[in-house]
Protein backbone atom coordinates (compact mmCIF):
# COMPACT_ATOMS: atom_id res chain seq x y z
CA MET A 1 6.99 -1.62 16.33
CA SER A 2 7.42 0.96 13.58
CA VAL A 3 5.40 4.09 12.95
CA THR A 4 4.69 2.75 9.45
CA ALA A 5 3.14 -0.44 10.88
CA CYS A 6 0.92 1.66 13.17
CA LEU A 7 -0.13 3.88 10.25
CA ILE A 8 -0.95 0.84 8.08
CA HIS A 9 -3.03 -0.68 10.84
CA ALA A 10 -4.96 2.56 11.44
CA LEU A 11 -5.39 3.11 7.70
CA ALA A 12 -6.72 -0.42 7.19
CA GLU A 13 -9.32 0.12 9.91
CA SER A 14 -10.27 3.48 8.38
CA LEU A 15 -10.68 1.95 4.92
CA ILE A 16 -13.08 -0.66 6.32
CA GLU A 17 -15.12 2.12 7.95
CA HIS A 18 -14.99 4.22 4.74
CA PRO A 19 -15.03 1.72 1.86
CA GLU A 20 -15.45 4.45 -0.76
CA PHE A 21 -11.72 5.16 -0.32
CA ASN A 22 -10.75 1.50 -0.82
CA ALA A 23 -11.27 1.39 -4.55
CA VAL A 24 -9.55 0.97 -7.88
CA TRP A 25 -9.95 2.88 -11.12
CA THR A 26 -11.05 0.85 -14.16
CA PRO A 27 -12.15 1.84 -17.67
CA ASP A 28 -15.72 1.48 -16.38
CA GLY A 29 -15.13 3.80 -13.44
CA VAL A 30 -14.33 3.37 -9.76
CA VAL A 31 -14.81 -0.11 -8.31
CA LEU A 32 -14.98 -0.68 -4.55
CA VAL A 33 -12.79 -3.55 -3.32
CA VAL A 34 -13.63 -5.89 -0.45
CA GLY A 35 -10.07 -6.66 0.73
CA VAL A 36 -7.76 -3.92 1.97
CA HIS A 37 -4.40 -4.12 0.18
CA ILE A 38 -2.18 -1.22 1.23
CA GLY A 39 0.79 -0.37 -0.96
CA VAL A 40 3.86 0.57 1.07
CA ALA A 41 6.79 2.55 -0.32
CA VAL A 42 10.04 0.55 -0.04
CA ALA A 43 13.39 2.06 -1.03
CA LEU A 44 15.67 -0.06 -3.19
CA GLU A 45 19.20 0.67 -4.39
CA ASP A 46 17.90 1.64 -7.84
CA GLY A 47 14.59 3.27 -6.98
CA LEU A 48 11.36 2.99 -5.07
CA ILE A 49 8.63 0.35 -5.23
CA ALA A 50 5.27 0.08 -3.46
CA PRO A 51 4.21 -3.56 -3.05
CA ALA A 52 0.89 -4.29 -1.37
CA LEU A 53 0.39 -5.68 2.10
CA LEU A 54 -2.53 -7.93 1.17
CA ASP A 55 -5.69 -8.24 3.28
CA CYS A 56 -4.09 -6.19 6.04
CA ASN A 57 -7.54 -5.34 7.43
CA LEU A 58 -7.52 -8.87 8.87
CA PHE A 59 -4.36 -8.27 10.93
CA GLY A 60 -3.94 -7.04 14.46
CA LEU A 61 -1.21 -4.49 15.11
CA VAL A 62 1.45 -7.09 15.95
CA GLN A 63 0.55 -9.12 12.84
CA THR A 64 0.68 -5.95 10.72
CA ALA A 65 4.20 -5.19 11.97
CA ALA A 66 5.37 -8.76 11.27
CA ALA A 67 3.76 -8.81 7.81
CA LEU A 68 5.31 -5.44 6.96
CA GLU A 69 8.77 -6.60 8.04
CA ASP A 70 8.36 -9.73 5.88
CA LEU A 71 7.12 -7.70 2.89
CA VAL A 72 10.03 -5.23 3.09
CA SER A 73 12.54 -8.07 3.46
CA ARG A 74 11.15 -9.97 0.47
CA THR A 75 10.98 -6.75 -1.57
CA ARG A 76 14.65 -6.00 -1.02
CA ALA A 77 15.55 -9.65 -1.76
CA GLY A 78 13.57 -9.57 -5.03
CA ARG A 79 11.13 -12.26 -3.85
CA LEU A 80 7.76 -10.53 -4.25
CA ARG A 81 4.73 -12.30 -5.66
CA ALA A 82 3.16 -10.72 -8.75
CA VAL A 83 -0.09 -10.08 -6.87
CA GLU A 84 1.80 -7.94 -4.35
CA LEU A 85 2.91 -5.64 -7.15
CA ALA A 86 -0.43 -5.40 -8.95
CA SER A 87 -2.99 -5.21 -6.14
CA PRO A 88 -2.77 -2.10 -3.95
CA THR A 89 -6.15 -0.55 -3.26
CA PHE A 90 -4.54 2.35 -1.38
CA THR A 91 -0.89 3.42 -1.16
CA LEU A 92 0.82 4.86 1.90
CA PRO A 93 3.78 7.05 0.94
CA ASN A 94 6.81 6.97 3.19
CA LEU A 95 8.73 10.23 3.16
CA GLY A 96 9.97 10.05 6.73
CA VAL A 97 13.65 9.90 5.78
CA TYR A 98 13.44 13.09 3.71
CA ASP A 99 13.20 16.71 4.85
CA VAL A 100 9.77 17.21 3.30
CA ALA A 101 7.81 20.38 4.06
CA SER A 102 4.77 19.41 1.96
CA PHE A 103 3.58 16.55 -0.21
CA ALA A 104 0.88 16.28 -2.86
CA ALA A 105 -0.33 13.10 -4.52
CA PRO A 106 -3.42 11.94 -6.40
CA ALA A 107 -6.34 10.77 -4.27
CA PHE A 108 -6.20 7.46 -6.12
CA THR A 109 -3.57 5.74 -8.19
CA LEU A 110 -4.48 5.11 -11.78
CA GLY A 111 -3.63 1.53 -12.56
CA SER A 112 -4.03 0.06 -9.10
CA SER A 113 -5.16 -3.52 -9.23
CA HIS A 114 -6.32 -3.71 -12.85
CA HIS A 115 -3.88 -1.72 -14.98
CA LYS A 116 -0.25 -0.70 -15.17
CA MET A 117 0.71 2.35 -13.15
CA TRP A 118 1.35 5.56 -15.08
CA TRP A 119 3.36 8.36 -13.48
């Protein structure tokens, strides 16, 4: 059981309790989303990608860990589904392997779910 799986599980439960944080930005404004799709940072040889663990609010902790392992494996093998790349409603950064003293990121990701990401 990884720390990341535990964080995803806790985050999914929190997003159900606080749906105002489980949203996407559209040209018409913020739209709340029913399903919880948490983007997870996965390191690749040529960069970083954050595919979504879809509907993870429906998983128990053991299921979350298994789904995360599958998602990371398929990401590194280049076998993601398009929906997994275009659907995160919230993204969990993973900086555990770096000596990071502080981290700042936007409260929401422009482009999640409905538009291309802009960095």
